[in-house]
Amino acid sequence: VQLQASGGGLVQAGGSLRLSCAVRRSINRFKAVGWYRQAPGKQREMVATIQNGGITNSADSVKGRFAISKDDAKNMVYLQMNDLIPEDTATYYCNLPNPSGGYYFSWGQGTQVTVWGQGTLVTVSS
């Protein structure tokens, strides 16, 4: 397994999670590494990427809430997710985008993130 994502879970809206991705290659040999997600019935989308020089890019939907980082020495990539909302519910994957198109590795199993809402108070009176 070239990519191993972990750290997902069940969290209440407003909560935080930190995802980790172990890459079985030297990530500093690649131009960039990123996090992606796929919700049920939807296409996979880019969440955030980080280039070798540290330049990051993130989807508008997560700007200000998510932060990508990496540790080249450990070949690890992280995604700090704060202020989670139910719309963030998805399976999250890491991969290394190929500038010529596609990705260098096949998609692993990913890690599931489920965000549940705070609900609505219903009051019944007689």
N, C-alpha and C. Protein backbone atom coordinates (compact mmCIF):
# COMPACT_ATOMS: atom_id res chain seq x y z
N VAL A 1 0.86 -1.19 0.00
CA VAL A 1 0.00 0.00 0.00
C VAL A 1 0.89 1.23 0.00
N GLN A 2 0.75 2.03 -1.03
CA GLN A 2 1.61 3.21 -1.17
C GLN A 2 1.12 4.37 -0.33
N LEU A 3 -0.19 4.43 -0.10
CA LEU A 3 -0.79 5.53 0.64
C LEU A 3 -1.68 4.98 1.73
N GLN A 4 -1.51 5.45 2.94
CA GLN A 4 -2.33 4.99 4.06
C GLN A 4 -2.88 6.19 4.79
N ALA A 5 -4.17 6.46 4.59
CA ALA A 5 -4.82 7.57 5.26
C ALA A 5 -5.46 7.09 6.55
N SER A 6 -5.44 7.93 7.57
CA SER A 6 -6.04 7.58 8.86
C SER A 6 -6.47 8.85 9.58
N GLY A 7 -7.20 8.65 10.68
CA GLY A 7 -7.59 9.77 11.51
C GLY A 7 -9.04 10.20 11.40
N GLY A 8 -9.79 9.56 10.49
CA GLY A 8 -11.18 9.91 10.35
C GLY A 8 -12.01 9.46 11.54
N GLY A 9 -13.27 9.85 11.54
CA GLY A 9 -14.14 9.45 12.62
C GLY A 9 -15.46 10.17 12.57
N LEU A 10 -16.21 10.01 13.65
CA LEU A 10 -17.52 10.64 13.79
C LEU A 10 -17.35 11.85 14.70
N VAL A 11 -17.80 13.00 14.23
CA VAL A 11 -17.60 14.22 15.00
C VAL A 11 -18.81 15.13 14.86
N GLN A 12 -19.09 15.85 15.89
CA GLN A 12 -20.20 16.80 15.87
C GLN A 12 -19.80 18.05 15.10
N ALA A 13 -20.79 18.66 14.47
CA ALA A 13 -20.54 19.91 13.75
C ALA A 13 -19.86 20.91 14.68
N GLY A 14 -18.86 21.58 14.13
CA GLY A 14 -18.08 22.52 14.92
C GLY A 14 -16.81 21.92 15.50
N GLY A 15 -16.72 20.60 15.40
CA GLY A 15 -15.57 19.91 15.95
C GLY A 15 -14.38 19.89 15.01
N SER A 16 -13.35 19.18 15.43
CA SER A 16 -12.10 19.13 14.66
C SER A 16 -11.61 17.68 14.54
N LEU A 17 -10.87 17.46 13.47
CA LEU A 17 -10.18 16.19 13.26
C LEU A 17 -8.86 16.48 12.58
N ARG A 18 -7.91 15.61 12.80
CA ARG A 18 -6.64 15.71 12.09
C ARG A 18 -6.39 14.40 11.36
N LEU A 19 -6.32 14.49 10.05
CA LEU A 19 -6.05 13.32 9.24
C LEU A 19 -4.56 13.20 8.97
N SER A 20 -4.11 11.96 8.85
CA SER A 20 -2.71 11.69 8.54
C SER A 20 -2.63 10.77 7.34
N CYS A 21 -1.59 10.93 6.56
CA CYS A 21 -1.36 10.07 5.41
C CYS A 21 0.10 9.66 5.40
N ALA A 22 0.32 8.37 5.45
CA ALA A 22 1.67 7.83 5.35
C ALA A 22 1.94 7.46 3.90
N VAL A 23 3.00 8.00 3.34
CA VAL A 23 3.35 7.75 1.94
C VAL A 23 4.61 6.89 1.91
N ARG A 24 4.53 5.80 1.19
CA ARG A 24 5.68 4.88 1.14
C ARG A 24 6.66 5.27 0.05
N ARG A 25 6.84 6.56 -0.13
CA ARG A 25 7.84 7.09 -1.06
C ARG A 25 8.37 8.38 -0.45
N SER A 26 9.46 8.86 -1.02
CA SER A 26 9.98 10.15 -0.57
C SER A 26 9.15 11.26 -1.22
N ILE A 27 8.31 11.87 -0.42
CA ILE A 27 7.38 12.85 -0.98
C ILE A 27 8.09 14.09 -1.51
N ASN A 28 9.31 14.36 -1.05
CA ASN A 28 10.02 15.54 -1.54
C ASN A 28 10.52 15.33 -2.97
N ARG A 29 10.35 14.14 -3.52
CA ARG A 29 10.71 13.89 -4.92
C ARG A 29 9.56 14.22 -5.85
N PHE A 30 8.41 14.52 -5.27
CA PHE A 30 7.24 14.83 -6.07
C PHE A 30 6.91 16.32 -5.94
N LYS A 31 6.27 16.84 -6.97
CA LYS A 31 5.99 18.27 -7.00
C LYS A 31 4.99 18.66 -5.92
N ALA A 32 4.02 17.81 -5.68
CA ALA A 32 2.97 18.17 -4.72
C ALA A 32 2.32 16.91 -4.16
N VAL A 33 1.62 17.11 -3.08
CA VAL A 33 0.82 16.05 -2.48
C VAL A 33 -0.49 16.70 -2.01
N GLY A 34 -1.55 15.91 -2.01
CA GLY A 34 -2.83 16.53 -1.68
C GLY A 34 -3.79 15.62 -0.98
N TRP A 35 -4.84 16.25 -0.47
CA TRP A 35 -5.97 15.55 0.12
C TRP A 35 -7.17 15.74 -0.79
N TYR A 36 -7.96 14.69 -0.90
CA TYR A 36 -9.13 14.68 -1.76
C TYR A 36 -10.25 14.01 -0.99
N ARG A 37 -11.48 14.25 -1.40
CA ARG A 37 -12.59 13.61 -0.72
C ARG A 37 -13.69 13.26 -1.71
N GLN A 38 -14.45 12.26 -1.31
CA GLN A 38 -15.58 11.84 -2.13
C GLN A 38 -16.76 11.53 -1.23
N ALA A 39 -17.82 12.28 -1.43
CA ALA A 39 -19.06 12.05 -0.69
C ALA A 39 -19.93 11.09 -1.48
N PRO A 40 -20.83 10.39 -0.82
CA PRO A 40 -21.71 9.44 -1.52
C PRO A 40 -22.47 10.11 -2.66
N GLY A 41 -22.40 9.50 -3.83
CA GLY A 41 -23.12 10.03 -4.99
C GLY A 41 -22.46 11.21 -5.65
N LYS A 42 -21.28 11.59 -5.21
CA LYS A 42 -20.59 12.75 -5.78
C LYS A 42 -19.22 12.34 -6.30
N GLN A 43 -18.68 13.18 -7.17
CA GLN A 43 -17.35 12.92 -7.69
C GLN A 43 -16.29 13.30 -6.66
N ARG A 44 -15.15 12.67 -6.81
CA ARG A 44 -14.03 13.01 -5.94
C ARG A 44 -13.59 14.44 -6.23
N GLU A 45 -13.26 15.17 -5.18
CA GLU A 45 -12.84 16.56 -5.36
C GLU A 45 -11.58 16.85 -4.56
N MET A 46 -10.84 17.82 -5.03
CA MET A 46 -9.64 18.25 -4.33
C MET A 46 -10.04 19.03 -3.09
N VAL A 47 -9.38 18.73 -1.99
CA VAL A 47 -9.60 19.48 -0.75
C VAL A 47 -8.47 20.47 -0.55
N ALA A 48 -7.24 19.98 -0.60
CA ALA A 48 -6.08 20.85 -0.40
C ALA A 48 -4.84 20.17 -0.95
N THR A 49 -3.92 20.97 -1.46
CA THR A 49 -2.64 20.45 -1.92
C THR A 49 -1.52 21.31 -1.34
N ILE A 50 -0.35 20.70 -1.27
CA ILE A 50 0.83 21.43 -0.81
C ILE A 50 1.98 21.06 -1.73
N GLN A 51 2.67 22.08 -2.21
CA GLN A 51 3.78 21.85 -3.12
C GLN A 51 5.07 21.68 -2.34
N ASN A 52 6.11 21.29 -3.05
CA ASN A 52 7.40 21.05 -2.42
C ASN A 52 7.90 22.28 -1.68
N GLY A 53 7.66 23.45 -2.23
CA GLY A 53 8.13 24.68 -1.60
C GLY A 53 7.24 25.16 -0.47
N GLY A 54 6.17 24.42 -0.21
CA GLY A 54 5.29 24.78 0.88
C GLY A 54 4.07 25.58 0.47
N ILE A 55 3.96 25.89 -0.81
CA ILE A 55 2.78 26.64 -1.25
C ILE A 55 1.56 25.73 -1.19
N THR A 56 0.50 26.24 -0.59
CA THR A 56 -0.71 25.45 -0.43
C THR A 56 -1.84 26.01 -1.27
N ASN A 57 -2.77 25.14 -1.57
CA ASN A 57 -3.97 25.52 -2.30
C ASN A 57 -5.12 24.72 -1.70
N SER A 58 -6.26 25.35 -1.56
CA SER A 58 -7.38 24.62 -0.98
C SER A 58 -8.68 25.01 -1.67
N ALA A 59 -9.64 24.13 -1.58
CA ALA A 59 -10.95 24.39 -2.16
C ALA A 59 -11.62 25.53 -1.40
N ASP A 60 -12.41 26.30 -2.11
CA ASP A 60 -13.09 27.43 -1.48
C ASP A 60 -13.95 26.98 -0.29
N SER A 61 -14.51 25.80 -0.39
CA SER A 61 -15.42 25.32 0.65
C SER A 61 -14.72 25.05 1.98
N VAL A 62 -13.40 24.92 1.96
CA VAL A 62 -12.68 24.60 3.20
C VAL A 62 -11.70 25.69 3.61
N LYS A 63 -11.59 26.74 2.81
CA LYS A 63 -10.66 27.83 3.13
C LYS A 63 -10.98 28.41 4.49
N GLY A 64 -9.93 28.59 5.28
CA GLY A 64 -10.10 29.16 6.60
C GLY A 64 -10.45 28.12 7.66
N ARG A 65 -10.78 26.91 7.23
CA ARG A 65 -11.15 25.85 8.19
C ARG A 65 -10.17 24.69 8.17
N PHE A 66 -9.66 24.36 7.00
CA PHE A 66 -8.75 23.22 6.86
C PHE A 66 -7.35 23.73 6.56
N ALA A 67 -6.35 22.98 7.02
CA ALA A 67 -4.96 23.33 6.74
C ALA A 67 -4.17 22.06 6.44
N ILE A 68 -3.45 22.08 5.33
CA ILE A 68 -2.63 20.94 4.94
C ILE A 68 -1.19 21.22 5.33
N SER A 69 -0.50 20.17 5.74
CA SER A 69 0.92 20.29 6.07
C SER A 69 1.60 18.97 5.77
N LYS A 70 2.93 18.98 5.78
CA LYS A 70 3.64 17.73 5.51
C LYS A 70 4.94 17.69 6.26
N ASP A 71 5.42 16.49 6.47
CA ASP A 71 6.71 16.26 7.11
C ASP A 71 7.52 15.41 6.14
N ASP A 72 8.41 16.06 5.41
CA ASP A 72 9.18 15.34 4.40
C ASP A 72 10.05 14.24 5.02
N ALA A 73 10.57 14.48 6.18
CA ALA A 73 11.46 13.51 6.81
C ALA A 73 10.72 12.21 7.15
N LYS A 74 9.44 12.35 7.47
CA LYS A 74 8.64 11.18 7.84
C LYS A 74 7.76 10.71 6.69
N ASN A 75 7.78 11.44 5.58
CA ASN A 75 6.89 11.12 4.45
C ASN A 75 5.43 11.05 4.89
N MET A 76 5.05 12.06 5.65
CA MET A 76 3.69 12.15 6.17
C MET A 76 3.04 13.44 5.68
N VAL A 77 1.75 13.35 5.44
CA VAL A 77 0.95 14.50 5.05
C VAL A 77 -0.23 14.58 6.01
N TYR A 78 -0.56 15.80 6.41
CA TYR A 78 -1.61 15.98 7.40
C TYR A 78 -2.68 16.93 6.89
N LEU A 79 -3.88 16.76 7.42
CA LEU A 79 -4.96 17.69 7.14
C LEU A 79 -5.66 18.02 8.44
N GLN A 80 -5.46 19.22 8.93
CA GLN A 80 -6.14 19.69 10.12
C GLN A 80 -7.47 20.27 9.71
N MET A 81 -8.53 19.72 10.24
CA MET A 81 -9.87 20.15 9.88
C MET A 81 -10.57 20.73 11.10
N ASN A 82 -10.93 21.99 11.03
CA ASN A 82 -11.61 22.68 12.12
C ASN A 82 -12.98 23.15 11.65
N ASP A 83 -13.83 23.45 12.62
CA ASP A 83 -15.18 23.97 12.31
C ASP A 83 -15.88 23.09 11.28
N LEU A 84 -15.85 21.81 11.53
CA LEU A 84 -16.45 20.86 10.59
C LEU A 84 -17.95 21.07 10.48
N ILE A 85 -18.44 20.86 9.28
CA ILE A 85 -19.86 20.96 9.00
C ILE A 85 -20.33 19.66 8.36
N PRO A 86 -21.63 19.38 8.40
CA PRO A 86 -22.12 18.11 7.83
C PRO A 86 -21.72 17.91 6.37
N GLU A 87 -21.57 19.00 5.63
CA GLU A 87 -21.18 18.89 4.23
C GLU A 87 -19.75 18.38 4.04
N ASP A 88 -18.99 18.33 5.10
CA ASP A 88 -17.64 17.79 5.03
C ASP A 88 -17.64 16.26 5.10
N THR A 89 -18.78 15.68 5.35
CA THR A 89 -18.88 14.22 5.43
C THR A 89 -18.47 13.60 4.11
N ALA A 90 -17.48 12.72 4.15
CA ALA A 90 -16.96 12.09 2.94
C ALA A 90 -15.86 11.11 3.33
N THR A 91 -15.41 10.35 2.33
CA THR A 91 -14.20 9.56 2.50
C THR A 91 -13.04 10.40 2.00
N TYR A 92 -12.03 10.54 2.81
CA TYR A 92 -10.89 11.39 2.49
C TYR A 92 -9.70 10.53 2.07
N TYR A 93 -9.06 10.97 1.00
CA TYR A 93 -7.92 10.27 0.44
C TYR A 93 -6.73 11.22 0.28
N CYS A 94 -5.55 10.65 0.30
CA CYS A 94 -4.37 11.43 -0.08
C CYS A 94 -3.81 10.83 -1.36
N ASN A 95 -3.13 11.65 -2.11
CA ASN A 95 -2.47 11.18 -3.33
C ASN A 95 -1.51 12.25 -3.82
N LEU A 96 -0.72 11.89 -4.80
CA LEU A 96 0.26 12.81 -5.35
C LEU A 96 -0.12 13.09 -6.80
N PRO A 97 -0.54 14.30 -7.09
CA PRO A 97 -0.99 14.63 -8.44
C PRO A 97 0.18 14.66 -9.42
N ASN A 98 -0.08 14.12 -10.60
CA ASN A 98 0.90 14.12 -11.67
C ASN A 98 0.68 15.37 -12.51
N PRO A 99 1.68 16.24 -12.66
CA PRO A 99 1.48 17.46 -13.45
C PRO A 99 1.03 17.18 -14.88
N SER A 100 1.31 15.96 -15.37
CA SER A 100 0.89 15.59 -16.73
C SER A 100 -0.54 15.07 -16.76
N GLY A 101 -1.14 14.96 -15.59
CA GLY A 101 -2.51 14.47 -15.52
C GLY A 101 -2.60 13.23 -14.65
N GLY A 102 -3.69 13.07 -13.97
CA GLY A 102 -3.86 11.90 -13.12
C GLY A 102 -3.05 11.99 -11.84
N TYR A 103 -2.84 10.82 -11.27
CA TYR A 103 -2.15 10.73 -9.99
C TYR A 103 -1.12 9.61 -10.06
N TYR A 104 -0.12 9.73 -9.21
CA TYR A 104 0.97 8.76 -9.28
C TYR A 104 0.57 7.39 -8.72
N PHE A 105 -0.34 7.38 -7.78
CA PHE A 105 -0.67 6.12 -7.13
C PHE A 105 -2.17 5.83 -7.25
N SER A 106 -2.49 4.58 -7.09
CA SER A 106 -3.90 4.23 -7.05
C SER A 106 -4.48 4.70 -5.71
N TRP A 107 -5.79 4.92 -5.72
CA TRP A 107 -6.43 5.41 -4.51
C TRP A 107 -6.50 4.31 -3.47
N GLY A 108 -6.13 4.63 -2.28
CA GLY A 108 -6.24 3.66 -1.20
C GLY A 108 -7.66 3.61 -0.67
N GLN A 109 -7.82 3.07 0.49
CA GLN A 109 -9.15 2.95 1.08
C GLN A 109 -9.66 4.26 1.64
N GLY A 110 -8.79 5.18 1.88
CA GLY A 110 -9.22 6.45 2.44
C GLY A 110 -9.60 6.32 3.90
N THR A 111 -10.06 7.42 4.46
CA THR A 111 -10.52 7.41 5.84
C THR A 111 -11.84 8.17 5.90
N GLN A 112 -12.81 7.59 6.58
CA GLN A 112 -14.16 8.14 6.59
C GLN A 112 -14.30 9.24 7.64
N VAL A 113 -14.86 10.35 7.22
CA VAL A 113 -15.18 11.45 8.12
C VAL A 113 -16.68 11.67 8.07
N THR A 114 -17.32 11.59 9.22
CA THR A 114 -18.76 11.80 9.31
C THR A 114 -19.03 12.91 10.31
N VAL A 115 -19.70 13.95 9.85
CA VAL A 115 -20.01 15.11 10.70
C VAL A 115 -21.51 15.16 10.89
N TRP A 116 -21.95 15.13 12.13
CA TRP A 116 -23.39 15.18 12.38
C TRP A 116 -23.77 16.55 12.92
N GLY A 117 -24.95 16.95 12.50
CA GLY A 117 -25.40 18.28 12.84
C GLY A 117 -25.86 18.38 14.28
N GLN A 118 -26.11 19.59 14.68
CA GLN A 118 -26.53 19.81 16.06
C GLN A 118 -28.00 19.54 16.25
N GLY A 119 -28.71 19.35 15.15
CA GLY A 119 -30.12 19.01 15.27
C GLY A 119 -30.99 20.22 15.52
N THR A 120 -32.25 19.95 15.61
CA THR A 120 -33.23 21.01 15.85
C THR A 120 -34.07 20.65 17.06
N LEU A 121 -34.24 21.59 17.95
CA LEU A 121 -35.03 21.33 19.16
C LEU A 121 -36.51 21.32 18.82
N VAL A 122 -37.18 20.27 19.22
CA VAL A 122 -38.62 20.17 19.03
C VAL A 122 -39.28 20.15 20.39
N THR A 123 -40.16 21.08 20.61
CA THR A 123 -40.85 21.17 21.90
C THR A 123 -42.31 20.85 21.71
N VAL A 124 -42.80 19.93 22.51
CA VAL A 124 -44.20 19.54 22.44
C VAL A 124 -44.86 19.94 23.75
N SER A 125 -45.92 20.68 23.62
CA SER A 125 -46.62 21.09 24.84
C SER A 125 -48.09 20.72 24.74
N SER A 126 -48.69 20.44 25.87
CA SER A 126 -50.11 20.04 25.87
C SER A 126 -50.99 21.21 26.28
